[in-house]
Amino acid sequence: MDMVLERLGELERKVREALAELAQARGEREALVAKVESLQGELKARDQDVAALRAEREREASEATRLRAEREEVRTKVEGLLTEIGRLESVVQGAAT
């Protein structure tokens, strides 16, 4: 009978150890799940940041293209005005002589 009680005691100890390990594993799992959720949140936030930066870059590229076109238009107008001024100077000098 003592042997049976001894075996039952050992079995009970092993069951308690297994339950403790199971509880620890569950706790670790919950911590890991929380960490994964946190990292997923950070990843989503970074994805949103990247999307915002890409949109800003596209806006800036569009603005730069617009400004280049505007600069070229102004350059063309200035060159036209300089040509016209040169023509007028020639006319004035021709009339003066």
C-alpha atoms as a PDB file:
ATOM      1  CA  MET A   1       0.000   0.000   0.000  1.00  0.00           C
ATOM      2  CA  ASP A   2       2.872   2.337   0.791  1.00  0.00           C
ATOM      3  CA  MET A   3       4.233   1.684  -2.687  1.00  0.00           C
ATOM      4  CA  VAL A   4       0.904   2.660  -4.260  1.00  0.00           C
ATOM      5  CA  LEU A   5       0.751   5.850  -2.182  1.00  0.00           C
ATOM      6  CA  GLU A   6       4.341   6.591  -3.079  1.00  0.00           C
ATOM      7  CA  ARG A   7       3.610   6.151  -6.793  1.00  0.00           C
ATOM      8  CA  LEU A   8       0.463   8.280  -6.484  1.00  0.00           C
ATOM      9  CA  GLY A   9       2.488  10.996  -4.764  1.00  0.00           C
ATOM     10  CA  GLU A  10       5.098  10.886  -7.529  1.00  0.00           C
ATOM     11  CA  LEU A  11       2.383  10.964 -10.167  1.00  0.00           C
ATOM     12  CA  GLU A  12       0.744  13.920  -8.407  1.00  0.00           C
ATOM     13  CA  ARG A  13       4.101  15.751  -8.317  1.00  0.00           C
ATOM     14  CA  LYS A  14       4.613  15.151 -12.012  1.00  0.00           C
ATOM     15  CA  VAL A  15       1.090  16.357 -12.789  1.00  0.00           C
ATOM     16  CA  ARG A  16       1.708  19.525 -10.751  1.00  0.00           C
ATOM     17  CA  GLU A  17       5.007  20.086 -12.579  1.00  0.00           C
ATOM     18  CA  ALA A  18       3.280  19.602 -15.929  1.00  0.00           C
ATOM     19  CA  LEU A  19       0.537  22.044 -14.910  1.00  0.00           C
ATOM     20  CA  ALA A  20       3.131  24.589 -13.808  1.00  0.00           C
ATOM     21  CA  GLU A  21       4.980  24.210 -17.110  1.00  0.00           C
ATOM     22  CA  LEU A  22       1.679  24.542 -18.970  1.00  0.00           C
ATOM     23  CA  ALA A  23       0.803  27.711 -17.047  1.00  0.00           C
ATOM     24  CA  GLN A  24       4.259  29.126 -17.763  1.00  0.00           C
ATOM     25  CA  ALA A  25       3.953  28.244 -21.447  1.00  0.00           C
ATOM     26  CA  ARG A  26       0.541  29.931 -21.610  1.00  0.00           C
ATOM     27  CA  GLY A  27       1.951  33.045 -19.981  1.00  0.00           C
ATOM     28  CA  GLU A  28       4.865  33.097 -22.417  1.00  0.00           C
ATOM     29  CA  ARG A  29       2.446  32.581 -25.315  1.00  0.00           C
ATOM     30  CA  GLU A  30       0.281  35.489 -24.160  1.00  0.00           C
ATOM     31  CA  ALA A  31       3.361  37.691 -23.874  1.00  0.00           C
ATOM     32  CA  LEU A  32       4.471  36.678 -27.364  1.00  0.00           C
ATOM     33  CA  VAL A  33       1.006  37.303 -28.803  1.00  0.00           C
ATOM     34  CA  ALA A  34       1.027  40.769 -27.216  1.00  0.00           C
ATOM     35  CA  LYS A  35       4.505  41.417 -28.647  1.00  0.00           C
ATOM     36  CA  VAL A  36       3.383  40.293 -32.124  1.00  0.00           C
ATOM     37  CA  GLU A  37       0.337  42.579 -31.930  1.00  0.00           C
ATOM     38  CA  SER A  38       2.549  45.457 -30.836  1.00  0.00           C
ATOM     39  CA  LEU A  39       4.985  44.834 -33.690  1.00  0.00           C
ATOM     40  CA  GLN A  40       2.112  44.580 -36.162  1.00  0.00           C
ATOM     41  CA  GLY A  41       0.860  47.952 -34.937  1.00  0.00           C
ATOM     42  CA  GLU A  42       4.322  49.456 -35.366  1.00  0.00           C
ATOM     43  CA  LEU A  43       4.591  47.941 -38.832  1.00  0.00           C
ATOM     44  CA  LYS A  44       1.217  49.383 -39.816  1.00  0.00           C
ATOM     45  CA  ALA A  45       2.257  52.808 -38.526  1.00  0.00           C
ATOM     46  CA  ARG A  46       5.510  52.627 -40.486  1.00  0.00           C
ATOM     47  CA  ASP A  47       3.637  51.545 -43.603  1.00  0.00           C
ATOM     48  CA  GLN A  48       1.430  54.601 -43.196  1.00  0.00           C
ATOM     49  CA  ASP A  49       4.509  56.785 -42.728  1.00  0.00           C
ATOM     50  CA  VAL A  50       6.072  55.334 -45.869  1.00  0.00           C
ATOM     51  CA  ALA A  51       2.870  55.944 -47.831  1.00  0.00           C
ATOM     52  CA  ALA A  52       2.748  59.539 -46.579  1.00  0.00           C
ATOM     53  CA  LEU A  53       6.402  60.081 -47.497  1.00  0.00           C
ATOM     54  CA  ARG A  54       5.833  58.634 -50.973  1.00  0.00           C
ATOM     55  CA  ALA A  55       2.844  60.903 -51.482  1.00  0.00           C
ATOM     56  CA  GLU A  56       4.893  63.895 -50.326  1.00  0.00           C
ATOM     57  CA  ARG A  57       7.731  62.916 -52.654  1.00  0.00           C
ATOM     58  CA  GLU A  58       5.287  62.679 -55.559  1.00  0.00           C
ATOM     59  CA  ARG A  59       3.834  66.105 -54.706  1.00  0.00           C
ATOM     60  CA  GLU A  60       7.325  67.590 -54.520  1.00  0.00           C
ATOM     61  CA  ALA A  61       8.333  65.977 -57.821  1.00  0.00           C
ATOM     62  CA  SER A  62       5.200  67.367 -59.435  1.00  0.00           C
ATOM     63  CA  GLU A  63       5.925  70.810 -57.990  1.00  0.00           C
ATOM     64  CA  ALA A  64       9.523  70.645 -59.222  1.00  0.00           C
ATOM     65  CA  THR A  65       8.313  69.721 -62.720  1.00  0.00           C
ATOM     66  CA  ARG A  66       5.836  72.590 -62.653  1.00  0.00           C
ATOM     67  CA  LEU A  67       8.526  75.018 -61.497  1.00  0.00           C
ATOM     68  CA  ARG A  68      10.930  73.842 -64.211  1.00  0.00           C
ATOM     69  CA  ALA A  69       8.253  74.388 -66.842  1.00  0.00           C
ATOM     70  CA  GLU A  70       7.507  77.817 -65.399  1.00  0.00           C
ATOM     71  CA  ARG A  71      11.205  78.693 -65.373  1.00  0.00           C
ATOM     72  CA  GLU A  72      11.516  77.640 -69.006  1.00  0.00           C
ATOM     73  CA  GLU A  73       8.488  79.754 -69.900  1.00  0.00           C
ATOM     74  CA  VAL A  74       9.972  82.790 -68.131  1.00  0.00           C
ATOM     75  CA  ARG A  75      13.341  82.164 -69.820  1.00  0.00           C
ATOM     76  CA  THR A  76      11.644  82.047 -73.226  1.00  0.00           C
ATOM     77  CA  LYS A  77       9.779  85.282 -72.508  1.00  0.00           C
ATOM     78  CA  VAL A  78      12.952  87.020 -71.315  1.00  0.00           C
ATOM     79  CA  GLU A  79      14.846  85.861 -74.389  1.00  0.00           C
ATOM     80  CA  GLY A  80      11.991  87.168 -76.536  1.00  0.00           C
ATOM     81  CA  LEU A  81      12.071  90.494 -74.731  1.00  0.00           C
ATOM     82  CA  LEU A  82      15.852  90.732 -75.129  1.00  0.00           C
ATOM     83  CA  THR A  83      15.507  90.002 -78.824  1.00  0.00           C
ATOM     84  CA  GLU A  84      12.815  92.670 -79.118  1.00  0.00           C
ATOM     85  CA  ILE A  85      14.977  95.166 -77.191  1.00  0.00           C
ATOM     86  CA  GLY A  86      17.897  94.407 -79.526  1.00  0.00           C
ATOM     87  CA  ARG A  87      15.654  94.916 -82.553  1.00  0.00           C
ATOM     88  CA  LEU A  88      14.339  98.200 -81.149  1.00  0.00           C
ATOM     89  CA  GLU A  89      17.896  99.393 -80.416  1.00  0.00           C
ATOM     90  CA  SER A  90      18.828  98.619 -84.016  1.00  0.00           C
ATOM     91  CA  VAL A  91      15.813 100.555 -85.275  1.00  0.00           C
ATOM     92  CA  VAL A  92      16.618 103.524 -82.997  1.00  0.00           C
ATOM     93  CA  GLN A  93      20.298 103.503 -84.029  1.00  0.00           C
ATOM     94  CA  GLY A  94      19.322 103.233 -87.697  1.00  0.00           C
ATOM     95  CA  ALA A  95      16.956 106.166 -87.365  1.00  0.00           C
ATOM     96  CA  ALA A  96      19.582 108.226 -85.537  1.00  0.00           C
ATOM     97  CA  THR A  97      22.129 107.940 -88.300  1.00  0.00           C
END
